[in-house]
Amino acid sequence: MQHAERRDGRLPAGRSLRIVREFRAERSRLWKAWTTPETMLRWLGPAEWPAVEVMADIRVGGAWRACLRARDDERILWQSGYYLAIEPPRRLEFTFAWEGSDHEDGPGVETLVTVILEETPSGGTRMFFTQSGLASDRSADGHSHGWNSTFDRLDRCLDPP
């Protein structure tokens, strides 16, 4: 079990988003989807802004970064952060921030994401997702849409071939 403190040592203020999803896939497959950049590239980002590049140094203190590109034009959004806790295959915690000023959160707003994966009696996985420190209700609504669309893509990615 590895943990690190946030770089500024504080918990984020602001709004929190909580999403609970169930997947038919085993927990080990979900863990791999969250911790393998090649697999993350297949599902990260909402349907209208899929990831086109993902980099991740999966270790406490390691950085991650992803580029999302709009499907309807060439606009891009970069998101990035640092891993704070890694407890395979159950818990992942990382910071999340938008780079640049093209997003409603703007630069400098760092949120905290926690993903908990629990096995279900049917052999699937229940995922508890929390993002705290969102700047506004508008931001929380936008992230809710984005993450739910992203998790729909994750579910399809995990379907057997």
N, C-alpha and C. Protein backbone atom coordinates (compact mmCIF):
# COMPACT_ATOMS: atom_id res chain seq x y z
N MET A 1 0.86 -1.17 0.00
CA MET A 1 0.00 0.00 0.00
C MET A 1 0.90 1.23 0.00
N GLN A 2 0.67 2.11 -0.97
CA GLN A 2 1.48 3.31 -1.10
C GLN A 2 0.59 4.53 -1.00
N HIS A 3 1.05 5.55 -0.31
CA HIS A 3 0.29 6.79 -0.16
C HIS A 3 1.24 7.98 -0.24
N ALA A 4 0.70 9.09 -0.65
CA ALA A 4 1.44 10.35 -0.64
C ALA A 4 0.46 11.45 -0.29
N GLU A 5 0.98 12.52 0.24
CA GLU A 5 0.14 13.69 0.55
C GLU A 5 -0.02 14.53 -0.70
N ARG A 6 -1.13 15.25 -0.78
CA ARG A 6 -1.27 16.23 -1.85
C ARG A 6 -0.08 17.18 -1.78
N ARG A 7 0.29 17.73 -2.89
CA ARG A 7 1.47 18.60 -2.93
C ARG A 7 1.32 19.80 -2.01
N ASP A 8 0.08 20.32 -1.86
CA ASP A 8 -0.10 21.47 -0.99
C ASP A 8 -0.54 21.05 0.43
N GLY A 9 -0.75 19.74 0.66
CA GLY A 9 -1.08 19.24 1.99
C GLY A 9 -2.51 19.50 2.43
N ARG A 10 -3.35 20.08 1.56
CA ARG A 10 -4.72 20.41 1.93
C ARG A 10 -5.71 19.53 1.19
N LEU A 11 -6.88 19.35 1.80
CA LEU A 11 -7.98 18.71 1.10
C LEU A 11 -8.68 19.77 0.26
N PRO A 12 -9.19 19.38 -0.90
CA PRO A 12 -9.84 20.39 -1.74
C PRO A 12 -11.16 20.85 -1.15
N ALA A 13 -11.43 22.14 -1.26
CA ALA A 13 -12.72 22.70 -0.88
C ALA A 13 -13.62 22.62 -2.10
N GLY A 14 -14.86 22.99 -1.94
CA GLY A 14 -15.76 23.03 -3.08
C GLY A 14 -16.71 21.86 -3.11
N ARG A 15 -17.26 21.62 -4.28
CA ARG A 15 -18.28 20.59 -4.46
C ARG A 15 -17.65 19.24 -4.70
N SER A 16 -18.42 18.20 -4.39
CA SER A 16 -17.98 16.83 -4.65
C SER A 16 -18.96 16.13 -5.57
N LEU A 17 -18.43 15.25 -6.39
CA LEU A 17 -19.21 14.43 -7.29
C LEU A 17 -18.99 12.98 -6.88
N ARG A 18 -20.09 12.24 -6.72
CA ARG A 18 -19.99 10.82 -6.38
C ARG A 18 -20.78 10.01 -7.40
N ILE A 19 -20.14 8.99 -7.94
CA ILE A 19 -20.77 8.12 -8.93
C ILE A 19 -20.50 6.68 -8.50
N VAL A 20 -21.53 5.85 -8.51
CA VAL A 20 -21.38 4.42 -8.24
C VAL A 20 -21.84 3.70 -9.50
N ARG A 21 -20.97 2.83 -10.01
CA ARG A 21 -21.30 2.07 -11.23
C ARG A 21 -20.97 0.61 -11.00
N GLU A 22 -21.74 -0.25 -11.64
CA GLU A 22 -21.45 -1.69 -11.61
C GLU A 22 -21.05 -2.14 -13.00
N PHE A 23 -20.01 -2.97 -13.03
CA PHE A 23 -19.49 -3.51 -14.28
C PHE A 23 -19.52 -5.03 -14.19
N ARG A 24 -19.77 -5.68 -15.32
CA ARG A 24 -19.76 -7.16 -15.34
C ARG A 24 -18.34 -7.71 -15.24
N ALA A 25 -17.37 -6.92 -15.58
CA ALA A 25 -15.97 -7.36 -15.61
C ALA A 25 -15.41 -7.57 -14.21
N GLU A 26 -14.46 -8.49 -14.12
CA GLU A 26 -13.76 -8.74 -12.86
C GLU A 26 -12.97 -7.50 -12.43
N ARG A 27 -12.78 -7.40 -11.12
CA ARG A 27 -12.06 -6.26 -10.57
C ARG A 27 -10.66 -6.11 -11.16
N SER A 28 -9.96 -7.20 -11.41
CA SER A 28 -8.61 -7.12 -11.98
C SER A 28 -8.62 -6.46 -13.36
N ARG A 29 -9.67 -6.69 -14.14
CA ARG A 29 -9.77 -6.05 -15.46
C ARG A 29 -10.02 -4.56 -15.32
N LEU A 30 -10.86 -4.18 -14.35
CA LEU A 30 -11.12 -2.76 -14.12
C LEU A 30 -9.85 -2.06 -13.63
N TRP A 31 -9.13 -2.72 -12.72
CA TRP A 31 -7.88 -2.14 -12.22
C TRP A 31 -6.92 -1.91 -13.38
N LYS A 32 -6.78 -2.91 -14.25
CA LYS A 32 -5.89 -2.77 -15.41
C LYS A 32 -6.35 -1.62 -16.30
N ALA A 33 -7.66 -1.46 -16.48
CA ALA A 33 -8.17 -0.38 -17.32
C ALA A 33 -7.79 0.99 -16.75
N TRP A 34 -7.77 1.12 -15.42
CA TRP A 34 -7.42 2.39 -14.77
C TRP A 34 -5.91 2.61 -14.70
N THR A 35 -5.10 1.56 -14.86
CA THR A 35 -3.66 1.69 -14.58
C THR A 35 -2.76 1.30 -15.74
N THR A 36 -3.32 1.11 -16.93
CA THR A 36 -2.52 0.80 -18.10
C THR A 36 -2.80 1.86 -19.16
N PRO A 37 -1.82 2.71 -19.46
CA PRO A 37 -2.07 3.81 -20.40
C PRO A 37 -2.66 3.37 -21.74
N GLU A 38 -2.20 2.24 -22.27
CA GLU A 38 -2.72 1.77 -23.56
C GLU A 38 -4.21 1.45 -23.45
N THR A 39 -4.64 0.91 -22.33
CA THR A 39 -6.05 0.60 -22.13
C THR A 39 -6.83 1.88 -21.81
N MET A 40 -6.26 2.77 -21.02
CA MET A 40 -6.91 4.05 -20.71
C MET A 40 -7.25 4.81 -21.99
N LEU A 41 -6.39 4.74 -22.97
CA LEU A 41 -6.60 5.44 -24.23
C LEU A 41 -7.88 4.97 -24.91
N ARG A 42 -8.29 3.74 -24.68
CA ARG A 42 -9.48 3.18 -25.33
C ARG A 42 -10.79 3.67 -24.72
N TRP A 43 -10.75 4.20 -23.47
CA TRP A 43 -12.02 4.57 -22.84
C TRP A 43 -12.04 5.96 -22.19
N LEU A 44 -10.89 6.54 -21.95
CA LEU A 44 -10.85 7.81 -21.21
C LEU A 44 -11.44 8.94 -22.04
N GLY A 45 -12.22 9.76 -21.41
CA GLY A 45 -12.86 10.90 -22.06
C GLY A 45 -14.30 10.57 -22.44
N PRO A 46 -15.16 11.59 -22.39
CA PRO A 46 -16.55 11.37 -22.78
C PRO A 46 -16.66 11.11 -24.29
N ALA A 47 -17.83 10.63 -24.72
CA ALA A 47 -18.03 10.26 -26.12
C ALA A 47 -17.66 11.39 -27.07
N GLU A 48 -18.00 12.64 -26.70
CA GLU A 48 -17.73 13.76 -27.59
C GLU A 48 -16.32 14.32 -27.46
N TRP A 49 -15.55 13.86 -26.47
CA TRP A 49 -14.16 14.30 -26.25
C TRP A 49 -13.27 13.10 -25.90
N PRO A 50 -13.10 12.12 -26.78
CA PRO A 50 -12.29 10.96 -26.43
C PRO A 50 -10.80 11.30 -26.32
N ALA A 51 -10.11 10.55 -25.50
CA ALA A 51 -8.66 10.73 -25.36
C ALA A 51 -7.96 10.33 -26.65
N VAL A 52 -6.95 11.09 -27.01
CA VAL A 52 -6.12 10.77 -28.17
C VAL A 52 -4.67 10.53 -27.75
N GLU A 53 -4.37 10.83 -26.50
CA GLU A 53 -3.03 10.58 -25.95
C GLU A 53 -3.16 10.44 -24.44
N VAL A 54 -2.51 9.40 -23.88
CA VAL A 54 -2.51 9.17 -22.43
C VAL A 54 -1.11 8.77 -22.02
N MET A 55 -0.60 9.44 -20.98
CA MET A 55 0.68 9.09 -20.38
C MET A 55 0.44 8.91 -18.88
N ALA A 56 0.99 7.87 -18.30
CA ALA A 56 0.79 7.64 -16.87
C ALA A 56 1.96 6.89 -16.27
N ASP A 57 2.52 7.46 -15.21
CA ASP A 57 3.58 6.84 -14.43
C ASP A 57 2.91 6.33 -13.15
N ILE A 58 2.46 5.08 -13.19
CA ILE A 58 1.60 4.53 -12.13
C ILE A 58 2.46 4.17 -10.91
N ARG A 59 2.70 5.18 -10.11
CA ARG A 59 3.38 5.01 -8.83
C ARG A 59 3.02 6.24 -8.00
N VAL A 60 3.09 6.11 -6.69
CA VAL A 60 2.80 7.26 -5.84
C VAL A 60 3.79 8.38 -6.18
N GLY A 61 3.25 9.55 -6.45
CA GLY A 61 4.07 10.69 -6.87
C GLY A 61 4.25 10.77 -8.37
N GLY A 62 3.89 9.69 -9.09
CA GLY A 62 4.00 9.68 -10.54
C GLY A 62 2.94 10.55 -11.17
N ALA A 63 3.26 11.09 -12.33
CA ALA A 63 2.34 11.98 -13.03
C ALA A 63 1.53 11.22 -14.07
N TRP A 64 0.35 11.77 -14.36
CA TRP A 64 -0.45 11.30 -15.48
C TRP A 64 -0.87 12.52 -16.29
N ARG A 65 -1.15 12.30 -17.57
CA ARG A 65 -1.58 13.40 -18.44
C ARG A 65 -2.34 12.81 -19.61
N ALA A 66 -3.43 13.46 -19.99
CA ALA A 66 -4.23 12.98 -21.11
C ALA A 66 -4.68 14.15 -21.96
N CYS A 67 -4.73 13.91 -23.25
CA CYS A 67 -5.24 14.89 -24.21
C CYS A 67 -6.56 14.38 -24.75
N LEU A 68 -7.62 15.21 -24.64
CA LEU A 68 -8.93 14.91 -25.19
C LEU A 68 -9.13 15.77 -26.42
N ARG A 69 -9.72 15.19 -27.46
CA ARG A 69 -9.98 15.96 -28.68
C ARG A 69 -11.47 15.90 -29.01
N ALA A 70 -12.03 17.06 -29.32
CA ALA A 70 -13.45 17.14 -29.69
C ALA A 70 -13.69 16.35 -30.97
N ARG A 71 -14.79 15.61 -30.99
CA ARG A 71 -15.12 14.83 -32.20
C ARG A 71 -15.56 15.72 -33.36
N ASP A 72 -16.14 16.89 -33.06
CA ASP A 72 -16.71 17.72 -34.12
C ASP A 72 -15.75 18.76 -34.69
N ASP A 73 -14.58 18.90 -34.11
CA ASP A 73 -13.58 19.83 -34.64
C ASP A 73 -12.22 19.45 -34.05
N GLU A 74 -11.28 20.30 -34.15
CA GLU A 74 -9.92 19.96 -33.70
C GLU A 74 -9.57 20.52 -32.32
N ARG A 75 -10.56 21.03 -31.56
CA ARG A 75 -10.26 21.55 -30.23
C ARG A 75 -9.70 20.43 -29.35
N ILE A 76 -8.75 20.80 -28.49
CA ILE A 76 -8.19 19.82 -27.56
C ILE A 76 -8.25 20.39 -26.14
N LEU A 77 -8.31 19.47 -25.19
CA LEU A 77 -8.24 19.79 -23.76
C LEU A 77 -7.21 18.86 -23.14
N TRP A 78 -6.33 19.41 -22.33
CA TRP A 78 -5.36 18.60 -21.59
C TRP A 78 -5.79 18.54 -20.13
N GLN A 79 -5.67 17.37 -19.54
CA GLN A 79 -5.91 17.17 -18.12
C GLN A 79 -4.71 16.41 -17.55
N SER A 80 -4.42 16.63 -16.27
CA SER A 80 -3.24 16.00 -15.70
C SER A 80 -3.33 15.97 -14.18
N GLY A 81 -2.40 15.27 -13.58
CA GLY A 81 -2.33 15.20 -12.13
C GLY A 81 -1.23 14.27 -11.67
N TYR A 82 -1.32 13.93 -10.37
CA TYR A 82 -0.33 13.06 -9.72
C TYR A 82 -1.04 11.98 -8.93
N TYR A 83 -0.43 10.80 -8.90
CA TYR A 83 -0.99 9.69 -8.12
C TYR A 83 -0.62 9.87 -6.65
N LEU A 84 -1.63 9.76 -5.78
CA LEU A 84 -1.43 9.93 -4.35
C LEU A 84 -1.52 8.62 -3.57
N ALA A 85 -2.34 7.68 -4.03
CA ALA A 85 -2.49 6.38 -3.36
C ALA A 85 -2.74 5.31 -4.41
N ILE A 86 -2.05 4.20 -4.24
CA ILE A 86 -2.20 3.06 -5.13
C ILE A 86 -2.25 1.81 -4.26
N GLU A 87 -3.43 1.17 -4.24
CA GLU A 87 -3.64 -0.05 -3.45
C GLU A 87 -4.25 -1.11 -4.36
N PRO A 88 -3.42 -1.79 -5.17
CA PRO A 88 -3.95 -2.77 -6.12
C PRO A 88 -4.68 -3.91 -5.40
N PRO A 89 -5.76 -4.39 -5.95
CA PRO A 89 -6.54 -3.86 -7.06
C PRO A 89 -7.79 -3.12 -6.56
N ARG A 90 -7.69 -2.45 -5.43
CA ARG A 90 -8.86 -1.89 -4.78
C ARG A 90 -9.00 -0.37 -4.86
N ARG A 91 -7.92 0.38 -4.71
CA ARG A 91 -8.06 1.83 -4.53
C ARG A 91 -6.99 2.59 -5.29
N LEU A 92 -7.45 3.67 -5.95
CA LEU A 92 -6.56 4.55 -6.69
C LEU A 92 -6.99 5.97 -6.36
N GLU A 93 -6.03 6.82 -6.04
CA GLU A 93 -6.32 8.22 -5.72
C GLU A 93 -5.32 9.09 -6.47
N PHE A 94 -5.86 10.14 -7.10
CA PHE A 94 -4.99 11.03 -7.87
C PHE A 94 -5.58 12.43 -7.94
N THR A 95 -4.72 13.40 -8.21
CA THR A 95 -5.20 14.75 -8.44
C THR A 95 -5.62 14.87 -9.90
N PHE A 96 -6.48 15.86 -10.15
CA PHE A 96 -7.01 16.09 -11.50
C PHE A 96 -7.11 17.59 -11.71
N ALA A 97 -6.53 18.08 -12.79
CA ALA A 97 -6.63 19.50 -13.12
C ALA A 97 -6.66 19.66 -14.63
N TRP A 98 -7.41 20.66 -15.08
CA TRP A 98 -7.40 21.04 -16.48
C TRP A 98 -6.22 21.97 -16.72
N GLU A 99 -5.54 21.79 -17.82
CA GLU A 99 -4.45 22.68 -18.18
C GLU A 99 -5.00 23.78 -19.08
N GLY A 100 -4.51 24.99 -18.94
CA GLY A 100 -4.96 26.10 -19.76
C GLY A 100 -6.24 26.70 -19.20
N SER A 101 -6.84 27.59 -19.98
CA SER A 101 -8.02 28.30 -19.47
C SER A 101 -9.26 28.04 -20.31
N ASP A 102 -9.27 27.00 -21.14
CA ASP A 102 -10.41 26.70 -21.99
C ASP A 102 -11.49 25.89 -21.30
N HIS A 103 -11.40 25.71 -20.02
CA HIS A 103 -12.38 24.92 -19.28
C HIS A 103 -12.96 25.79 -18.17
N GLU A 104 -14.22 25.48 -17.77
CA GLU A 104 -14.87 26.33 -16.76
C GLU A 104 -14.13 26.36 -15.42
N ASP A 105 -13.38 25.32 -15.10
CA ASP A 105 -12.62 25.34 -13.86
C ASP A 105 -11.44 26.31 -13.95
N GLY A 106 -10.94 26.48 -15.15
CA GLY A 106 -9.80 27.37 -15.34
C GLY A 106 -8.52 26.77 -14.80
N PRO A 107 -7.40 27.43 -15.01
CA PRO A 107 -6.11 26.92 -14.55
C PRO A 107 -6.00 27.01 -13.03
N GLY A 108 -5.25 26.09 -12.47
CA GLY A 108 -4.96 26.16 -11.05
C GLY A 108 -5.97 25.47 -10.14
N VAL A 109 -7.11 25.01 -10.68
CA VAL A 109 -8.09 24.31 -9.85
C VAL A 109 -7.75 22.83 -9.86
N GLU A 110 -7.26 22.35 -8.75
CA GLU A 110 -6.87 20.95 -8.62
C GLU A 110 -7.93 20.23 -7.81
N THR A 111 -8.45 19.13 -8.35
CA THR A 111 -9.44 18.32 -7.64
C THR A 111 -8.79 17.00 -7.24
N LEU A 112 -9.51 16.27 -6.42
CA LEU A 112 -9.02 14.99 -5.92
C LEU A 112 -9.99 13.90 -6.37
N VAL A 113 -9.47 12.88 -7.03
CA VAL A 113 -10.28 11.76 -7.50
C VAL A 113 -9.89 10.51 -6.72
N THR A 114 -10.92 9.81 -6.22
CA THR A 114 -10.72 8.53 -5.54
C THR A 114 -11.58 7.48 -6.23
N VAL A 115 -10.97 6.36 -6.58
CA VAL A 115 -11.66 5.25 -7.21
C VAL A 115 -11.49 4.04 -6.31
N ILE A 116 -12.62 3.47 -5.87
CA ILE A 116 -12.63 2.26 -5.05
C ILE A 116 -13.30 1.16 -5.86
N LEU A 117 -12.66 0.02 -5.98
CA LEU A 117 -13.21 -1.12 -6.72
C LEU A 117 -13.51 -2.26 -5.76
N GLU A 118 -14.76 -2.72 -5.75
CA GLU A 118 -15.17 -3.83 -4.89
C GLU A 118 -15.75 -4.95 -5.73
N GLU A 119 -15.39 -6.17 -5.41
CA GLU A 119 -15.96 -7.32 -6.10
C GLU A 119 -17.42 -7.47 -5.71
N THR A 120 -18.24 -7.89 -6.66
CA THR A 120 -19.65 -8.17 -6.37
C THR A 120 -19.83 -9.68 -6.28
N PRO A 121 -20.90 -10.15 -5.62
CA PRO A 121 -21.14 -11.59 -5.52
C PRO A 121 -21.25 -12.29 -6.89
N SER A 122 -21.66 -11.53 -7.92
CA SER A 122 -21.81 -12.12 -9.25
C SER A 122 -20.48 -12.23 -10.01
N GLY A 123 -19.38 -11.74 -9.41
CA GLY A 123 -18.08 -11.78 -10.07
C GLY A 123 -17.74 -10.51 -10.83
N GLY A 124 -18.63 -9.54 -10.77
CA GLY A 124 -18.37 -8.26 -11.39
C GLY A 124 -17.69 -7.31 -10.43
N THR A 125 -17.77 -6.02 -10.72
CA THR A 125 -17.11 -5.00 -9.91
C THR A 125 -18.03 -3.81 -9.70
N ARG A 126 -18.10 -3.36 -8.47
CA ARG A 126 -18.79 -2.11 -8.15
C ARG A 126 -17.71 -1.05 -7.96
N MET A 127 -17.86 0.04 -8.70
CA MET A 127 -16.88 1.13 -8.64
C MET A 127 -17.50 2.32 -7.91
N PHE A 128 -16.80 2.81 -6.91
CA PHE A 128 -17.18 4.03 -6.19
C PHE A 128 -16.20 5.11 -6.63
N PHE A 129 -16.71 6.12 -7.27
CA PHE A 129 -15.89 7.20 -7.83
C PHE A 129 -16.28 8.49 -7.12
N THR A 130 -15.27 9.22 -6.63
CA THR A 130 -15.50 10.52 -6.00
C THR A 130 -14.50 11.52 -6.57
N GLN A 131 -15.02 12.68 -6.93
CA GLN A 131 -14.14 13.80 -7.33
C GLN A 131 -14.52 14.97 -6.44
N SER A 132 -13.59 15.42 -5.63
CA SER A 132 -13.86 16.52 -4.70
C SER A 132 -13.02 17.74 -5.05
N GLY A 133 -13.54 18.90 -4.65
CA GLY A 133 -12.84 20.15 -4.90
C GLY A 133 -13.27 20.85 -6.17
N LEU A 134 -14.44 20.47 -6.72
CA LEU A 134 -14.93 21.12 -7.94
C LEU A 134 -15.32 22.56 -7.64
N ALA A 135 -15.06 23.45 -8.58
CA ALA A 135 -15.14 24.89 -8.35
C ALA A 135 -16.57 25.43 -8.24
N SER A 136 -17.54 24.78 -8.89
CA SER A 136 -18.89 25.35 -8.93
C SER A 136 -19.91 24.25 -9.24
N ASP A 137 -21.19 24.60 -9.12
CA ASP A 137 -22.25 23.67 -9.52
C ASP A 137 -22.13 23.36 -11.01
N ARG A 138 -21.82 24.38 -11.81
CA ARG A 138 -21.65 24.18 -13.26
C ARG A 138 -20.53 23.18 -13.54
N SER A 139 -19.44 23.33 -12.81
CA SER A 139 -18.32 22.40 -12.97
C SER A 139 -18.72 20.99 -12.56
N ALA A 140 -19.43 20.85 -11.43
CA ALA A 140 -19.87 19.53 -10.97
C ALA A 140 -20.80 18.89 -12.00
N ASP A 141 -21.71 19.67 -12.56
CA ASP A 141 -22.62 19.14 -13.59
C ASP A 141 -21.84 18.70 -14.83
N GLY A 142 -20.89 19.52 -15.26
CA GLY A 142 -20.08 19.18 -16.42
C GLY A 142 -19.25 17.93 -16.20
N HIS A 143 -18.65 17.82 -15.02
CA HIS A 143 -17.86 16.63 -14.70
C HIS A 143 -18.75 15.41 -14.58
N SER A 144 -19.96 15.57 -14.04
CA SER A 144 -20.89 14.44 -13.93
C SER A 144 -21.21 13.90 -15.33
N HIS A 145 -21.54 14.79 -16.25
CA HIS A 145 -21.81 14.35 -17.62
C HIS A 145 -20.56 13.67 -18.21
N GLY A 146 -19.41 14.34 -18.08
CA GLY A 146 -18.18 13.81 -18.66
C GLY A 146 -17.80 12.44 -18.12
N TRP A 147 -17.82 12.30 -16.80
CA TRP A 147 -17.43 11.02 -16.21
C TRP A 147 -18.45 9.93 -16.52
N ASN A 148 -19.74 10.24 -16.48
CA ASN A 148 -20.73 9.20 -16.79
C ASN A 148 -20.61 8.72 -18.23
N SER A 149 -20.38 9.65 -19.17
CA SER A 149 -20.14 9.26 -20.55
C SER A 149 -18.85 8.44 -20.67
N THR A 150 -17.83 8.85 -19.94
CA THR A 150 -16.56 8.12 -19.91
C THR A 150 -16.77 6.70 -19.39
N PHE A 151 -17.55 6.56 -18.32
CA PHE A 151 -17.77 5.22 -17.75
C PHE A 151 -18.63 4.35 -18.65
N ASP A 152 -19.50 4.96 -19.47
CA ASP A 152 -20.21 4.19 -20.50
C ASP A 152 -19.20 3.61 -21.49
N ARG A 153 -18.23 4.42 -21.87
CA ARG A 153 -17.18 3.96 -22.78
C ARG A 153 -16.34 2.86 -22.12
N LEU A 154 -16.04 3.04 -20.84
CA LEU A 154 -15.28 2.02 -20.09
C LEU A 154 -16.04 0.69 -20.10
N ASP A 155 -17.34 0.74 -19.85
CA ASP A 155 -18.15 -0.48 -19.83
C ASP A 155 -18.06 -1.20 -21.19
N ARG A 156 -18.17 -0.46 -22.28
CA ARG A 156 -18.06 -1.06 -23.61
C ARG A 156 -16.65 -1.62 -23.85
N CYS A 157 -15.65 -0.92 -23.36
CA CYS A 157 -14.25 -1.37 -23.51
C CYS A 157 -14.02 -2.71 -22.80
N LEU A 158 -14.73 -2.91 -21.69
CA LEU A 158 -14.55 -4.12 -20.89
C LEU A 158 -15.36 -5.30 -21.40
N ASP A 159 -16.30 -5.05 -22.33
CA ASP A 159 -17.09 -6.15 -22.87
C ASP A 159 -16.16 -7.16 -23.53
N PRO A 160 -16.50 -8.45 -23.40
CA PRO A 160 -15.66 -9.46 -24.04
C PRO A 160 -15.65 -9.26 -25.56
N PRO A 161 -14.53 -9.58 -26.19
CA PRO A 161 -14.42 -9.40 -27.66
C PRO A 161 -15.41 -10.27 -28.42
